[in-house]
Amino acid sequence: MTNGVIQPLLNQLADVEVIKVNFYHKNLMSSREIARFRNNLSWRYRQDQLFGEPQAIFESRYDLFILTDTGIKQTSIYAPRRRELEKLRGFQLAVTLAYELRDALSPRLQAAVTWIGNGVVYLLTQVFGRSIGLVVRGVIQGIGSSVQEARFGKNPGRGK
């Protein structure tokens, strides 16, 4: 959709004042803002071609735009795209391989992180927590006995 409408408008008629006044938003009137918008649009198009399209091919889907009462909505439909997947080369093929690698490793990596996390929680709560609890309990008992001795004068060695 971008290529069919906006790209020719921006590339061929960007500086025609009649087009600017009738079709452009007031924030896009300057040549600099038009160039910035064109560059952002070009970047998004490249990003979609390099990452979005290989992902759609790998997931066997087509993205469609539907005109509704509230505006343009995007939806996806399933369609076998095996032949297109086999034709991918270069960076787009690497993107699909990265998605496949992520799909293969992600559950195992998540399970390993969960297992390690549970081990750390066990160590902190059971081993170190109990050790710290014993130390704190000993300190409290020591302070408590010192307070009792000072309060009730049970220390016969004092004052002599």
Foldseek 3Di string as FASTA:
>chain_A
DCVVPVVCCLPPVVQPVVCCVPPNDPVCNDPVSSVVVNVVVVVVVVCCVLAVVLVCQLVQKDWDWDQDPVGIDIDIDHHHNVVVLVPDDDRSVVNSVVVVVCVVCVVVVVVVVVVVVVVVVCCVCPPVVVVVVVVVVVVVVVVVVVVVCVVVVPPVVPPD
